[in-house]
Amino acid sequence: NLVAQLLTGTTNVEQSLQRLQRGHAEYNGFNVLFSDGERLAVFESVPGRGRVLAAGVYGMSNHLLDTPWPKVLRLKQALHQALDADDSQLLTARLLSALDDRTVAPDEALPPTGIGIERERWLSPSFIASPDGRYGTRCSTVLVGERATSGWRLTLTERSFDATGLATQERVAVLDEWPHRSTRASISESRLI
């Protein structure tokens, strides 16, 4: 499994990028962001390229990193605002709220991806809900990393939704001392909403 290899591997980002470059054709199209604990990298299987990222704020949807789609631009702005708020206690809540943005972009801002204007409209919000309920956002995930004495303390919060778009459950998992200690996360909280 590609994701498990990247999460549990002991290679640096350059080695992982080389491995992805050699083996990405085995998979359907994908984009992946990953880290070795010091640097962040991205690999985009179409067009088959990867790179180490400089410090900054990035956004990714169903296209290449930082494609200026309306939802990507709105989410990057929300991330900037959440980080500037200087309230780490509310960071996850603010980011989950940004992912729950159901604002439909104006027609003139929609990308011409070839799927038609109606589908472009219902795919334009950060939170997607098709009119028939058969396609859409089923979970939103926020990963917050804080430097620790030995690596990182990662807190992953995932909110699940039913087909109507109602939140049904929220789970929080914490991973201490990543990547140096165990790669297993402990679920500290799981509750129905």
N, C-alpha and C. Protein backbone atom coordinates (compact mmCIF):
# COMPACT_ATOMS: atom_id res chain seq x y z
N ASN A 1 0.84 -1.17 0.00
CA ASN A 1 0.00 0.00 0.00
C ASN A 1 0.89 1.23 0.00
N LEU A 2 0.67 2.09 -0.95
CA LEU A 2 1.48 3.29 -1.14
C LEU A 2 1.47 4.20 0.08
N VAL A 3 0.30 4.49 0.62
CA VAL A 3 0.20 5.41 1.77
C VAL A 3 0.88 4.81 2.98
N ALA A 4 0.67 3.54 3.26
CA ALA A 4 1.31 2.90 4.41
C ALA A 4 2.83 2.92 4.27
N GLN A 5 3.34 2.71 3.07
CA GLN A 5 4.79 2.76 2.85
C GLN A 5 5.34 4.14 3.16
N LEU A 6 4.63 5.17 2.74
CA LEU A 6 5.10 6.54 2.98
C LEU A 6 5.01 6.90 4.47
N LEU A 7 4.00 6.41 5.15
CA LEU A 7 3.83 6.72 6.57
C LEU A 7 4.81 5.97 7.46
N THR A 8 5.12 4.75 7.11
CA THR A 8 5.96 3.92 7.99
C THR A 8 7.39 3.80 7.50
N GLY A 9 7.68 4.33 6.34
CA GLY A 9 9.03 4.21 5.80
C GLY A 9 10.05 5.02 6.58
N THR A 10 11.31 4.66 6.40
CA THR A 10 12.39 5.35 7.09
C THR A 10 13.27 6.12 6.11
N THR A 11 12.81 6.27 4.90
CA THR A 11 13.61 6.98 3.90
C THR A 11 13.32 8.47 3.96
N ASN A 12 14.25 9.26 3.43
CA ASN A 12 14.01 10.70 3.37
C ASN A 12 13.13 11.01 2.16
N VAL A 13 12.71 12.26 2.05
CA VAL A 13 11.75 12.60 1.00
C VAL A 13 12.35 12.41 -0.39
N GLU A 14 13.63 12.66 -0.57
CA GLU A 14 14.24 12.46 -1.89
C GLU A 14 14.19 11.00 -2.31
N GLN A 15 14.49 10.09 -1.37
CA GLN A 15 14.44 8.66 -1.69
C GLN A 15 13.00 8.22 -1.99
N SER A 16 12.05 8.75 -1.23
CA SER A 16 10.65 8.41 -1.48
C SER A 16 10.20 8.94 -2.84
N LEU A 17 10.64 10.15 -3.19
CA LEU A 17 10.29 10.71 -4.50
C LEU A 17 10.86 9.84 -5.62
N GLN A 18 12.08 9.36 -5.46
CA GLN A 18 12.68 8.49 -6.48
C GLN A 18 11.89 7.19 -6.61
N ARG A 19 11.49 6.62 -5.48
CA ARG A 19 10.70 5.37 -5.51
C ARG A 19 9.35 5.61 -6.18
N LEU A 20 8.71 6.73 -5.87
CA LEU A 20 7.43 7.06 -6.51
C LEU A 20 7.61 7.27 -8.01
N GLN A 21 8.69 7.93 -8.39
CA GLN A 21 8.96 8.17 -9.81
C GLN A 21 9.07 6.84 -10.57
N ARG A 22 9.71 5.86 -9.94
CA ARG A 22 9.89 4.55 -10.59
C ARG A 22 8.60 3.73 -10.62
N GLY A 23 7.74 3.85 -9.58
CA GLY A 23 6.61 2.93 -9.46
C GLY A 23 5.23 3.52 -9.60
N HIS A 24 5.12 4.81 -9.91
CA HIS A 24 3.79 5.43 -9.90
C HIS A 24 2.86 4.88 -10.98
N ALA A 25 3.39 4.31 -12.05
CA ALA A 25 2.54 3.81 -13.13
C ALA A 25 1.72 2.59 -12.71
N GLU A 26 2.07 1.98 -11.56
CA GLU A 26 1.32 0.82 -11.07
C GLU A 26 -0.04 1.21 -10.50
N TYR A 27 -0.26 2.50 -10.28
CA TYR A 27 -1.46 2.98 -9.63
C TYR A 27 -2.28 3.86 -10.57
N ASN A 28 -3.58 3.99 -10.27
CA ASN A 28 -4.38 5.00 -10.94
C ASN A 28 -3.83 6.37 -10.54
N GLY A 29 -4.28 7.41 -11.22
CA GLY A 29 -3.79 8.75 -10.93
C GLY A 29 -3.96 9.13 -9.47
N PHE A 30 -2.96 9.80 -8.90
CA PHE A 30 -3.01 10.22 -7.51
C PHE A 30 -2.10 11.42 -7.28
N ASN A 31 -2.38 12.13 -6.21
CA ASN A 31 -1.50 13.16 -5.67
C ASN A 31 -1.25 12.77 -4.22
N VAL A 32 -0.02 12.96 -3.75
CA VAL A 32 0.28 12.64 -2.36
C VAL A 32 1.25 13.66 -1.79
N LEU A 33 0.92 14.12 -0.59
CA LEU A 33 1.80 14.97 0.20
C LEU A 33 2.37 14.09 1.30
N PHE A 34 3.67 14.17 1.57
CA PHE A 34 4.27 13.34 2.61
C PHE A 34 5.50 14.03 3.17
N SER A 35 5.95 13.52 4.32
CA SER A 35 7.05 14.15 5.02
C SER A 35 7.96 13.08 5.61
N ASP A 36 9.21 13.45 5.83
CA ASP A 36 10.14 12.59 6.54
C ASP A 36 10.37 13.10 7.97
N GLY A 37 9.56 14.04 8.40
CA GLY A 37 9.69 14.63 9.72
C GLY A 37 10.41 15.96 9.69
N GLU A 38 11.12 16.22 8.61
CA GLU A 38 11.85 17.49 8.46
C GLU A 38 11.36 18.31 7.27
N ARG A 39 11.03 17.62 6.20
CA ARG A 39 10.61 18.32 4.98
C ARG A 39 9.33 17.71 4.44
N LEU A 40 8.59 18.53 3.71
CA LEU A 40 7.34 18.12 3.08
C LEU A 40 7.58 18.01 1.58
N ALA A 41 7.01 16.99 0.98
CA ALA A 41 7.15 16.80 -0.47
C ALA A 41 5.79 16.48 -1.07
N VAL A 42 5.69 16.67 -2.38
CA VAL A 42 4.48 16.33 -3.12
C VAL A 42 4.90 15.49 -4.31
N PHE A 43 4.05 14.51 -4.63
CA PHE A 43 4.22 13.76 -5.88
C PHE A 43 2.88 13.74 -6.58
N GLU A 44 2.88 14.13 -7.85
CA GLU A 44 1.68 14.13 -8.69
C GLU A 44 1.92 13.10 -9.80
N SER A 45 1.15 12.01 -9.76
CA SER A 45 1.41 10.92 -10.71
C SER A 45 1.12 11.30 -12.14
N VAL A 46 0.23 12.26 -12.32
CA VAL A 46 0.00 12.81 -13.65
C VAL A 46 0.30 14.29 -13.52
N PRO A 47 1.44 14.72 -13.94
CA PRO A 47 2.33 14.29 -15.01
C PRO A 47 3.51 13.42 -14.59
N GLY A 48 3.54 12.88 -13.39
CA GLY A 48 4.64 12.01 -12.97
C GLY A 48 5.83 12.80 -12.46
N ARG A 49 5.56 13.75 -11.57
CA ARG A 49 6.65 14.56 -11.04
C ARG A 49 6.45 14.79 -9.55
N GLY A 50 7.55 15.04 -8.89
CA GLY A 50 7.50 15.32 -7.47
C GLY A 50 8.56 16.34 -7.12
N ARG A 51 8.40 16.94 -5.93
CA ARG A 51 9.39 17.91 -5.49
C ARG A 51 9.25 18.12 -3.98
N VAL A 52 10.34 18.59 -3.39
CA VAL A 52 10.34 18.99 -1.99
C VAL A 52 9.79 20.41 -1.95
N LEU A 53 8.92 20.67 -1.00
CA LEU A 53 8.25 21.97 -0.92
C LEU A 53 8.96 22.90 0.06
N ALA A 54 9.02 24.16 -0.30
CA ALA A 54 9.52 25.19 0.61
C ALA A 54 8.45 25.47 1.65
N ALA A 55 8.82 26.13 2.73
CA ALA A 55 7.85 26.51 3.75
C ALA A 55 6.77 27.37 3.11
N GLY A 56 5.54 27.19 3.51
CA GLY A 56 4.45 27.97 2.95
C GLY A 56 3.11 27.30 3.14
N VAL A 57 2.09 27.87 2.54
CA VAL A 57 0.74 27.33 2.57
C VAL A 57 0.41 26.88 1.16
N TYR A 58 -0.05 25.64 1.04
CA TYR A 58 -0.36 25.05 -0.25
C TYR A 58 -1.79 24.53 -0.22
N GLY A 59 -2.36 24.30 -1.39
CA GLY A 59 -3.70 23.75 -1.48
C GLY A 59 -3.77 22.72 -2.60
N MET A 60 -4.54 21.66 -2.35
CA MET A 60 -4.69 20.62 -3.36
C MET A 60 -6.13 20.13 -3.38
N SER A 61 -6.65 20.03 -4.58
CA SER A 61 -7.97 19.45 -4.77
C SER A 61 -7.78 18.23 -5.67
N ASN A 62 -8.62 18.06 -6.67
CA ASN A 62 -8.50 16.92 -7.58
C ASN A 62 -7.66 17.26 -8.79
N HIS A 63 -6.66 18.08 -8.60
CA HIS A 63 -5.76 18.45 -9.69
C HIS A 63 -4.39 18.69 -9.09
N LEU A 64 -3.54 19.39 -9.79
CA LEU A 64 -2.18 19.61 -9.32
C LEU A 64 -2.14 20.56 -8.13
N LEU A 65 -1.05 20.49 -7.38
CA LEU A 65 -0.86 21.35 -6.22
C LEU A 65 -1.02 22.81 -6.62
N ASP A 66 -1.80 23.53 -5.85
CA ASP A 66 -2.05 24.96 -6.02
C ASP A 66 -2.76 25.34 -7.32
N THR A 67 -3.48 24.40 -7.94
CA THR A 67 -4.35 24.78 -9.05
C THR A 67 -5.35 25.79 -8.51
N PRO A 68 -5.48 26.96 -9.12
CA PRO A 68 -6.28 28.03 -8.52
C PRO A 68 -7.79 27.87 -8.69
N TRP A 69 -8.31 26.73 -8.30
CA TRP A 69 -9.74 26.54 -8.31
C TRP A 69 -10.35 27.32 -7.14
N PRO A 70 -11.61 27.75 -7.25
CA PRO A 70 -12.21 28.57 -6.19
C PRO A 70 -12.10 27.95 -4.80
N LYS A 71 -12.39 26.65 -4.67
CA LYS A 71 -12.33 26.05 -3.34
C LYS A 71 -10.91 26.00 -2.79
N VAL A 72 -9.93 25.80 -3.64
CA VAL A 72 -8.53 25.80 -3.20
C VAL A 72 -8.14 27.19 -2.70
N LEU A 73 -8.52 28.22 -3.43
CA LEU A 73 -8.21 29.59 -3.03
C LEU A 73 -8.89 29.95 -1.71
N ARG A 74 -10.17 29.56 -1.55
CA ARG A 74 -10.89 29.85 -0.31
C ARG A 74 -10.27 29.11 0.88
N LEU A 75 -9.91 27.84 0.67
CA LEU A 75 -9.33 27.06 1.76
C LEU A 75 -7.95 27.58 2.16
N LYS A 76 -7.15 27.99 1.18
CA LYS A 76 -5.85 28.56 1.52
C LYS A 76 -6.02 29.85 2.32
N GLN A 77 -6.99 30.68 1.94
CA GLN A 77 -7.25 31.91 2.68
C GLN A 77 -7.70 31.57 4.10
N ALA A 78 -8.57 30.59 4.25
CA ALA A 78 -9.04 30.18 5.57
C ALA A 78 -7.89 29.64 6.43
N LEU A 79 -6.98 28.91 5.81
CA LEU A 79 -5.82 28.39 6.54
C LEU A 79 -4.94 29.54 7.01
N HIS A 80 -4.68 30.50 6.14
CA HIS A 80 -3.91 31.68 6.54
C HIS A 80 -4.57 32.37 7.73
N GLN A 81 -5.89 32.57 7.66
CA GLN A 81 -6.61 33.25 8.74
C GLN A 81 -6.56 32.45 10.03
N ALA A 82 -6.71 31.13 9.93
CA ALA A 82 -6.67 30.28 11.13
C ALA A 82 -5.29 30.32 11.77
N LEU A 83 -4.25 30.31 10.96
CA LEU A 83 -2.88 30.36 11.49
C LEU A 83 -2.56 31.73 12.08
N ASP A 84 -3.08 32.79 11.47
CA ASP A 84 -2.84 34.15 11.96
C ASP A 84 -3.63 34.46 13.23
N ALA A 85 -4.65 33.68 13.53
CA ALA A 85 -5.50 33.96 14.68
C ALA A 85 -4.77 33.74 16.00
N ASP A 86 -3.63 33.04 15.97
CA ASP A 86 -2.81 32.83 17.15
C ASP A 86 -3.60 32.20 18.30
N ASP A 87 -4.42 31.23 17.98
CA ASP A 87 -5.20 30.52 18.99
C ASP A 87 -5.18 29.04 18.61
N SER A 88 -4.12 28.35 19.04
CA SER A 88 -3.94 26.96 18.62
C SER A 88 -5.07 26.06 19.12
N GLN A 89 -5.75 26.46 20.19
CA GLN A 89 -6.87 25.66 20.70
C GLN A 89 -8.02 25.61 19.69
N LEU A 90 -8.20 26.69 18.93
CA LEU A 90 -9.31 26.75 17.99
C LEU A 90 -8.90 26.39 16.56
N LEU A 91 -7.63 26.10 16.34
CA LEU A 91 -7.13 25.85 14.99
C LEU A 91 -7.91 24.74 14.29
N THR A 92 -8.03 23.59 14.94
CA THR A 92 -8.72 22.46 14.32
C THR A 92 -10.18 22.80 14.03
N ALA A 93 -10.85 23.46 14.97
CA ALA A 93 -12.26 23.83 14.76
C ALA A 93 -12.41 24.78 13.58
N ARG A 94 -11.50 25.74 13.46
CA ARG A 94 -11.56 26.68 12.34
C ARG A 94 -11.31 25.98 11.01
N LEU A 95 -10.38 25.04 11.00
CA LEU A 95 -10.08 24.33 9.76
C LEU A 95 -11.21 23.38 9.37
N LEU A 96 -11.81 22.72 10.35
CA LEU A 96 -12.97 21.87 10.03
C LEU A 96 -14.13 22.72 9.50
N SER A 97 -14.29 23.90 10.06
CA SER A 97 -15.33 24.80 9.56
C SER A 97 -15.06 25.21 8.12
N ALA A 98 -13.79 25.48 7.79
CA ALA A 98 -13.44 25.84 6.41
C ALA A 98 -13.72 24.68 5.46
N LEU A 99 -13.45 23.46 5.89
CA LEU A 99 -13.72 22.29 5.05
C LEU A 99 -15.22 22.06 4.88
N ASP A 100 -16.02 22.62 5.77
CA ASP A 100 -17.48 22.47 5.71
C ASP A 100 -18.13 23.60 4.89
N ASP A 101 -17.32 24.41 4.24
CA ASP A 101 -17.83 25.53 3.42
C ASP A 101 -18.59 24.97 2.22
N ARG A 102 -19.85 25.32 2.12
CA ARG A 102 -20.71 24.81 1.05
C ARG A 102 -21.04 25.89 0.03
N THR A 103 -20.23 26.94 0.00
CA THR A 103 -20.44 28.05 -0.93
C THR A 103 -20.16 27.61 -2.36
N VAL A 104 -21.12 27.80 -3.24
CA VAL A 104 -20.96 27.47 -4.66
C VAL A 104 -20.27 28.65 -5.34
N ALA A 105 -19.23 28.36 -6.10
CA ALA A 105 -18.48 29.41 -6.79
C ALA A 105 -19.33 30.00 -7.91
N PRO A 106 -19.11 31.27 -8.22
CA PRO A 106 -19.83 31.87 -9.36
C PRO A 106 -19.39 31.19 -10.66
N ASP A 107 -20.31 31.13 -11.61
CA ASP A 107 -20.03 30.43 -12.87
C ASP A 107 -18.76 30.90 -13.54
N GLU A 108 -18.47 32.21 -13.51
CA GLU A 108 -17.29 32.72 -14.20
C GLU A 108 -15.98 32.26 -13.54
N ALA A 109 -16.04 31.75 -12.31
CA ALA A 109 -14.83 31.29 -11.62
C ALA A 109 -14.63 29.78 -11.75
N LEU A 110 -15.61 29.09 -12.32
CA LEU A 110 -15.53 27.62 -12.41
C LEU A 110 -14.49 27.18 -13.44
N PRO A 111 -13.73 26.13 -13.12
CA PRO A 111 -12.74 25.65 -14.09
C PRO A 111 -13.41 24.89 -15.22
N PRO A 112 -12.89 24.97 -16.42
CA PRO A 112 -13.46 24.24 -17.55
C PRO A 112 -12.85 22.83 -17.64
N THR A 113 -13.33 21.92 -16.79
CA THR A 113 -12.74 20.57 -16.78
C THR A 113 -13.43 19.60 -17.73
N GLY A 114 -14.51 20.06 -18.39
CA GLY A 114 -15.17 19.21 -19.37
C GLY A 114 -16.32 18.39 -18.84
N ILE A 115 -16.77 18.65 -17.61
CA ILE A 115 -17.86 17.84 -17.04
C ILE A 115 -19.21 18.55 -17.08
N GLY A 116 -19.26 19.76 -17.60
CA GLY A 116 -20.51 20.51 -17.70
C GLY A 116 -20.70 21.45 -16.52
N ILE A 117 -21.43 22.53 -16.76
CA ILE A 117 -21.57 23.61 -15.78
C ILE A 117 -22.31 23.16 -14.52
N GLU A 118 -23.34 22.32 -14.65
CA GLU A 118 -24.09 21.87 -13.47
C GLU A 118 -23.19 21.10 -12.51
N ARG A 119 -22.42 20.15 -13.04
CA ARG A 119 -21.52 19.37 -12.18
C ARG A 119 -20.39 20.24 -11.64
N GLU A 120 -19.90 21.17 -12.44
CA GLU A 120 -18.87 22.09 -11.94
C GLU A 120 -19.40 22.87 -10.74
N ARG A 121 -20.67 23.28 -10.80
CA ARG A 121 -21.25 24.03 -9.69
C ARG A 121 -21.28 23.21 -8.41
N TRP A 122 -21.78 21.96 -8.48
CA TRP A 122 -21.88 21.22 -7.23
C TRP A 122 -20.56 20.64 -6.78
N LEU A 123 -19.53 20.67 -7.62
CA LEU A 123 -18.19 20.28 -7.19
C LEU A 123 -17.36 21.46 -6.69
N SER A 124 -17.86 22.68 -6.85
CA SER A 124 -17.06 23.86 -6.52
C SER A 124 -16.90 24.16 -5.03
N PRO A 125 -17.81 23.78 -4.14
CA PRO A 125 -17.58 24.06 -2.73
C PRO A 125 -16.51 23.14 -2.13
N SER A 126 -15.98 23.54 -1.00
CA SER A 126 -15.05 22.67 -0.27
C SER A 126 -15.78 21.41 0.18
N PHE A 127 -17.00 21.58 0.66
CA PHE A 127 -17.84 20.45 1.04
C PHE A 127 -18.76 20.15 -0.12
N ILE A 128 -18.65 18.97 -0.68
CA ILE A 128 -19.42 18.60 -1.87
C ILE A 128 -20.64 17.78 -1.48
N ALA A 129 -21.78 18.14 -2.05
CA ALA A 129 -23.01 17.38 -1.86
C ALA A 129 -23.77 17.39 -3.18
N SER A 130 -23.83 16.24 -3.83
CA SER A 130 -24.56 16.19 -5.10
C SER A 130 -26.06 16.31 -4.82
N PRO A 131 -26.81 16.81 -5.79
CA PRO A 131 -28.26 16.98 -5.58
C PRO A 131 -28.98 15.67 -5.21
N ASP A 132 -28.51 14.55 -5.73
CA ASP A 132 -29.18 13.27 -5.43
C ASP A 132 -28.59 12.56 -4.21
N GLY A 133 -27.55 13.13 -3.58
CA GLY A 133 -26.96 12.54 -2.39
C GLY A 133 -26.08 11.33 -2.64
N ARG A 134 -25.85 11.01 -3.91
CA ARG A 134 -25.07 9.81 -4.22
C ARG A 134 -23.57 10.08 -4.28
N TYR A 135 -23.17 11.34 -4.30
CA TYR A 135 -21.77 11.69 -4.38
C TYR A 135 -21.51 12.89 -3.49
N GLY A 136 -20.44 12.86 -2.76
CA GLY A 136 -20.12 14.03 -1.96
C GLY A 136 -19.13 13.72 -0.86
N THR A 137 -18.87 14.73 -0.07
CA THR A 137 -17.93 14.62 1.03
C THR A 137 -18.48 13.66 2.07
N ARG A 138 -17.67 12.69 2.45
CA ARG A 138 -18.06 11.73 3.47
C ARG A 138 -17.24 11.89 4.75
N CYS A 139 -16.07 12.54 4.62
CA CYS A 139 -15.32 12.87 5.82
C CYS A 139 -14.39 14.05 5.53
N SER A 140 -14.10 14.80 6.57
CA SER A 140 -13.15 15.91 6.51
C SER A 140 -12.09 15.64 7.57
N THR A 141 -10.83 15.84 7.21
CA THR A 141 -9.72 15.49 8.10
C THR A 141 -8.78 16.67 8.25
N VAL A 142 -8.39 16.94 9.48
CA VAL A 142 -7.41 17.97 9.79
C VAL A 142 -6.26 17.31 10.53
N LEU A 143 -5.05 17.52 10.05
CA LEU A 143 -3.85 17.01 10.70
C LEU A 143 -3.03 18.20 11.17
N VAL A 144 -2.81 18.29 12.48
CA VAL A 144 -2.03 19.38 13.06
C VAL A 144 -0.77 18.78 13.67
N GLY A 145 0.37 19.30 13.26
CA GLY A 145 1.65 18.85 13.79
C GLY A 145 2.28 19.91 14.66
N GLU A 146 2.76 19.49 15.82
CA GLU A 146 3.46 20.40 16.73
C GLU A 146 4.83 19.80 17.02
N ARG A 147 5.87 20.61 16.90
CA ARG A 147 7.22 20.15 17.21
C ARG A 147 7.28 19.69 18.65
N ALA A 148 7.92 18.55 18.87
CA ALA A 148 8.15 18.01 20.21
C ALA A 148 9.65 17.80 20.38
N THR A 149 10.07 17.41 21.57
CA THR A 149 11.50 17.22 21.81
C THR A 149 12.07 16.12 20.94
N SER A 150 11.27 15.12 20.65
CA SER A 150 11.74 14.01 19.82
C SER A 150 10.78 13.81 18.66
N GLY A 151 10.87 14.67 17.65
CA GLY A 151 10.01 14.54 16.48
C GLY A 151 8.82 15.46 16.55
N TRP A 152 7.65 14.91 16.22
CA TRP A 152 6.42 15.68 16.13
C TRP A 152 5.33 15.03 16.96
N ARG A 153 4.41 15.85 17.44
CA ARG A 153 3.16 15.35 18.02
C ARG A 153 2.09 15.68 16.99
N LEU A 154 1.51 14.65 16.41
CA LEU A 154 0.48 14.81 15.39
C LEU A 154 -0.89 14.54 15.98
N THR A 155 -1.82 15.43 15.69
CA THR A 155 -3.20 15.24 16.11
C THR A 155 -4.06 15.24 14.85
N LEU A 156 -4.72 14.12 14.62
CA LEU A 156 -5.56 13.95 13.45
C LEU A 156 -7.01 13.94 13.91
N THR A 157 -7.80 14.84 13.36
CA THR A 157 -9.22 14.91 13.68
C THR A 157 -10.00 14.65 12.40
N GLU A 158 -10.90 13.69 12.47
CA GLU A 158 -11.70 13.33 11.29
C GLU A 158 -13.18 13.40 11.65
N ARG A 159 -13.93 14.11 10.82
CA ARG A 159 -15.37 14.24 11.00
C ARG A 159 -16.05 13.51 9.84
N SER A 160 -16.97 12.60 10.17
CA SER A 160 -17.70 11.83 9.16
C SER A 160 -19.09 12.42 8.94
N PHE A 161 -19.59 12.24 7.72
CA PHE A 161 -20.90 12.78 7.32
C PHE A 161 -21.72 11.69 6.66
N ASP A 162 -23.03 11.79 6.79
CA ASP A 162 -23.90 10.86 6.08
C ASP A 162 -24.18 11.40 4.67
N ALA A 163 -24.98 10.69 3.90
CA ALA A 163 -25.24 11.06 2.51
C ALA A 163 -25.97 12.39 2.37
N THR A 164 -26.62 12.85 3.44
CA THR A 164 -27.31 14.13 3.38
C THR A 164 -26.41 15.30 3.77
N GLY A 165 -25.18 14.99 4.19
CA GLY A 165 -24.24 16.04 4.58
C GLY A 165 -24.25 16.37 6.05
N LEU A 166 -24.95 15.59 6.85
CA LEU A 166 -24.98 15.82 8.29
C LEU A 166 -23.80 15.12 8.96
N ALA A 167 -23.12 15.82 9.87
CA ALA A 167 -22.02 15.22 10.61
C ALA A 167 -22.56 14.12 11.52
N THR A 168 -21.91 12.96 11.52
CA THR A 168 -22.38 11.83 12.30
C THR A 168 -21.39 11.40 13.37
N GLN A 169 -20.10 11.62 13.14
CA GLN A 169 -19.10 11.16 14.10
C GLN A 169 -17.82 11.97 13.96
N GLU A 170 -17.11 12.12 15.06
CA GLU A 170 -15.81 12.77 15.04
C GLU A 170 -14.82 11.91 15.81
N ARG A 171 -13.65 11.68 15.22
CA ARG A 171 -12.61 10.88 15.85
C ARG A 171 -11.34 11.72 15.94
N VAL A 172 -10.63 11.55 17.04
CA VAL A 172 -9.36 12.24 17.24
C VAL A 172 -8.31 11.18 17.56
N ALA A 173 -7.22 11.20 16.83
CA ALA A 173 -6.11 10.29 17.08
C ALA A 173 -4.85 11.12 17.28
N VAL A 174 -4.02 10.69 18.23
CA VAL A 174 -2.79 11.41 18.54
C VAL A 174 -1.62 10.46 18.35
N LEU A 175 -0.60 10.97 17.69
CA LEU A 175 0.62 10.20 17.47
C LEU A 175 1.77 11.02 18.03
N ASP A 176 2.38 10.52 19.08
CA ASP A 176 3.49 11.22 19.72
C ASP A 176 4.83 10.78 19.13
N GLU A 177 5.75 11.70 19.09
CA GLU A 177 7.14 11.46 18.68
C GLU A 177 7.27 10.87 17.29
N TRP A 178 6.42 11.31 16.36
CA TRP A 178 6.53 10.85 14.97
C TRP A 178 7.70 11.56 14.33
N PRO A 179 8.48 10.96 13.50
CA PRO A 179 8.48 9.56 13.05
C PRO A 179 9.39 8.66 13.87
N HIS A 180 9.87 9.13 15.02
CA HIS A 180 10.90 8.40 15.76
C HIS A 180 10.39 7.23 16.57
N ARG A 181 9.21 7.33 17.11
CA ARG A 181 8.68 6.26 17.94
C ARG A 181 7.75 5.39 17.13
N SER A 182 6.74 4.88 17.73
CA SER A 182 5.76 4.03 17.06
C SER A 182 5.01 4.81 15.98
N THR A 183 4.62 4.12 14.94
CA THR A 183 3.79 4.74 13.92
C THR A 183 2.31 4.43 14.15
N ARG A 184 2.01 3.89 15.30
CA ARG A 184 0.61 3.60 15.63
C ARG A 184 0.01 4.78 16.40
N ALA A 185 -1.16 5.15 16.00
CA ALA A 185 -1.85 6.25 16.67
C ALA A 185 -2.82 5.69 17.69
N SER A 186 -3.00 6.43 18.77
CA SER A 186 -4.01 6.04 19.74
C SER A 186 -5.22 6.94 19.55
N ILE A 187 -6.37 6.32 19.44
CA ILE A 187 -7.61 7.11 19.30
C ILE A 187 -7.98 7.58 20.69
N SER A 188 -7.91 8.87 20.88
CA SER A 188 -8.18 9.42 22.19
C SER A 188 -9.65 9.78 22.38
N GLU A 189 -10.36 9.88 21.29
CA GLU A 189 -11.75 10.29 21.40
C GLU A 189 -12.50 9.86 20.15
N SER A 190 -13.66 9.33 20.34
CA SER A 190 -14.54 9.02 19.22
C SER A 190 -15.96 9.26 19.72
N ARG A 191 -16.65 10.17 19.07
CA ARG A 191 -17.99 10.47 19.56
C ARG A 191 -18.94 10.69 18.39
N LEU A 192 -20.17 10.36 18.65
CA LEU A 192 -21.23 10.66 17.70
C LEU A 192 -21.59 12.12 17.85
N ILE A 193 -21.88 12.76 16.73
CA ILE A 193 -22.23 14.18 16.78
C ILE A 193 -23.74 14.32 16.76
